Amino acid sequence: MISYDVFWETLKRKNVSQYSLIEKHNVSAGLLSSMRRGDFLTLRKIIDLCEILDCDIQDIVTYIPDEK
């Protein structure tokens, strides 16, 4: 399972709003909605977010293994 919970924490820590991502950095509202739903993103989108936020991949996404 993929979790983007750390992404929302990174936004708060860096004091970046969703509005700013959409208006200043051309991140689509649909991408943010997909992240809220926990949908998969392309690696390119994750890299773009890392560049915008000047952070590492671990600050965007976390892998949580399925319990078996």
C-alpha atoms as a PDB file:
ATOM      1  CA  MET A   1       0.000   0.000   0.000  1.00  0.00           C
ATOM      2  CA  ILE A   2       1.134   3.542  -0.727  1.00  0.00           C
ATOM      3  CA  SER A   3       0.507   6.392   1.701  1.00  0.00           C
ATOM      4  CA  TYR A   4       0.859  10.091   1.010  1.00  0.00           C
ATOM      5  CA  ASP A   5       0.247  11.127   4.645  1.00  0.00           C
ATOM      6  CA  VAL A   6       3.850  12.291   4.899  1.00  0.00           C
ATOM      7  CA  PHE A   7       3.262  14.593   1.886  1.00  0.00           C
ATOM      8  CA  TRP A   8       0.591  16.557   3.751  1.00  0.00           C
ATOM      9  CA  GLU A   9       2.940  16.821   6.737  1.00  0.00           C
ATOM     10  CA  THR A  10       5.716  18.049   4.431  1.00  0.00           C
ATOM     11  CA  LEU A  11       3.427  20.758   3.045  1.00  0.00           C
ATOM     12  CA  LYS A  12       2.708  21.968   6.584  1.00  0.00           C
ATOM     13  CA  ARG A  13       6.370  21.808   7.610  1.00  0.00           C
ATOM     14  CA  LYS A  14       7.438  23.787   4.529  1.00  0.00           C
ATOM     15  CA  ASN A  15       4.489  26.171   4.892  1.00  0.00           C
ATOM     16  CA  VAL A  16       3.268  25.477   1.342  1.00  0.00           C
ATOM     17  CA  SER A  17      -0.457  25.543   0.645  1.00  0.00           C
ATOM     18  CA  GLN A  18      -2.347  23.422  -1.837  1.00  0.00           C
ATOM     19  CA  TYR A  19      -3.427  26.681  -3.453  1.00  0.00           C
ATOM     20  CA  SER A  20       0.215  27.610  -3.971  1.00  0.00           C
ATOM     21  CA  LEU A  21       0.956  24.238  -5.561  1.00  0.00           C
ATOM     22  CA  ILE A  22      -1.941  24.708  -7.969  1.00  0.00           C
ATOM     23  CA  GLU A  23      -1.518  28.397  -8.797  1.00  0.00           C
ATOM     24  CA  LYS A  24       2.253  28.944  -8.626  1.00  0.00           C
ATOM     25  CA  HIS A  25       3.595  25.522  -9.555  1.00  0.00           C
ATOM     26  CA  ASN A  26       0.902  24.272 -11.961  1.00  0.00           C
ATOM     27  CA  VAL A  27       0.172  21.133  -9.938  1.00  0.00           C
ATOM     28  CA  SER A  28      -3.281  19.932 -10.940  1.00  0.00           C
ATOM     29  CA  ALA A  29      -6.077  19.778  -8.404  1.00  0.00           C
ATOM     30  CA  GLY A  30      -6.742  16.301  -9.816  1.00  0.00           C
ATOM     31  CA  LEU A  31      -3.271  15.167  -8.750  1.00  0.00           C
ATOM     32  CA  LEU A  32      -3.900  16.338  -5.197  1.00  0.00           C
ATOM     33  CA  SER A  33      -7.277  14.581  -5.222  1.00  0.00           C
ATOM     34  CA  SER A  34      -5.610  11.386  -6.414  1.00  0.00           C
ATOM     35  CA  MET A  35      -3.141  11.646  -3.556  1.00  0.00           C
ATOM     36  CA  ARG A  36      -5.970  12.100  -1.050  1.00  0.00           C
ATOM     37  CA  ARG A  37      -7.544   8.888  -2.372  1.00  0.00           C
ATOM     38  CA  GLY A  38      -4.216   7.063  -2.192  1.00  0.00           C
ATOM     39  CA  ASP A  39      -4.074   6.437  -5.945  1.00  0.00           C
ATOM     40  CA  PHE A  40      -0.775   5.554  -7.584  1.00  0.00           C
ATOM     41  CA  LEU A  41       1.255   8.378  -9.128  1.00  0.00           C
ATOM     42  CA  THR A  42       3.910   8.187 -11.789  1.00  0.00           C
ATOM     43  CA  LEU A  43       7.472   8.527 -10.609  1.00  0.00           C
ATOM     44  CA  ARG A  44       7.688  11.681 -12.754  1.00  0.00           C
ATOM     45  CA  LYS A  45       4.913  13.334 -10.703  1.00  0.00           C
ATOM     46  CA  ILE A  46       6.633  12.372  -7.450  1.00  0.00           C
ATOM     47  CA  ILE A  47       9.932  13.785  -8.715  1.00  0.00           C
ATOM     48  CA  ASP A  48       8.162  17.003  -9.752  1.00  0.00           C
ATOM     49  CA  LEU A  49       6.767  17.369  -6.237  1.00  0.00           C
ATOM     50  CA  CYS A  50      10.215  16.698  -4.759  1.00  0.00           C
ATOM     51  CA  GLU A  51      11.686  19.453  -6.923  1.00  0.00           C
ATOM     52  CA  ILE A  52       8.927  21.921  -6.040  1.00  0.00           C
ATOM     53  CA  LEU A  53       9.222  21.218  -2.311  1.00  0.00           C
ATOM     54  CA  ASP A  54      12.989  20.696  -2.318  1.00  0.00           C
ATOM     55  CA  CYS A  55      12.616  17.400  -0.485  1.00  0.00           C
ATOM     56  CA  ASP A  56      13.282  13.672  -0.780  1.00  0.00           C
ATOM     57  CA  ILE A  57      10.906  10.989  -2.013  1.00  0.00           C
ATOM     58  CA  GLN A  58      10.410   9.851   1.600  1.00  0.00           C
ATOM     59  CA  ASP A  59       8.856  13.268   2.246  1.00  0.00           C
ATOM     60  CA  ILE A  60       6.197  12.541  -0.387  1.00  0.00           C
ATOM     61  CA  VAL A  61       5.332   8.866  -0.237  1.00  0.00           C
ATOM     62  CA  THR A  62       5.607   5.943   2.168  1.00  0.00           C
ATOM     63  CA  TYR A  63       5.353   2.267   1.321  1.00  0.00           C
ATOM     64  CA  ILE A  64       3.376   0.222   3.819  1.00  0.00           C
ATOM     65  CA  PRO A  65       3.630  -3.540   3.273  1.00  0.00           C
ATOM     66  CA  ASP A  66       0.400  -5.521   3.294  1.00  0.00           C
ATOM     67  CA  GLU A  67      -0.058  -7.616   6.390  1.00  0.00           C
ATOM     68  CA  LYS A  68      -0.289 -11.281   5.514  1.00  0.00           C
END
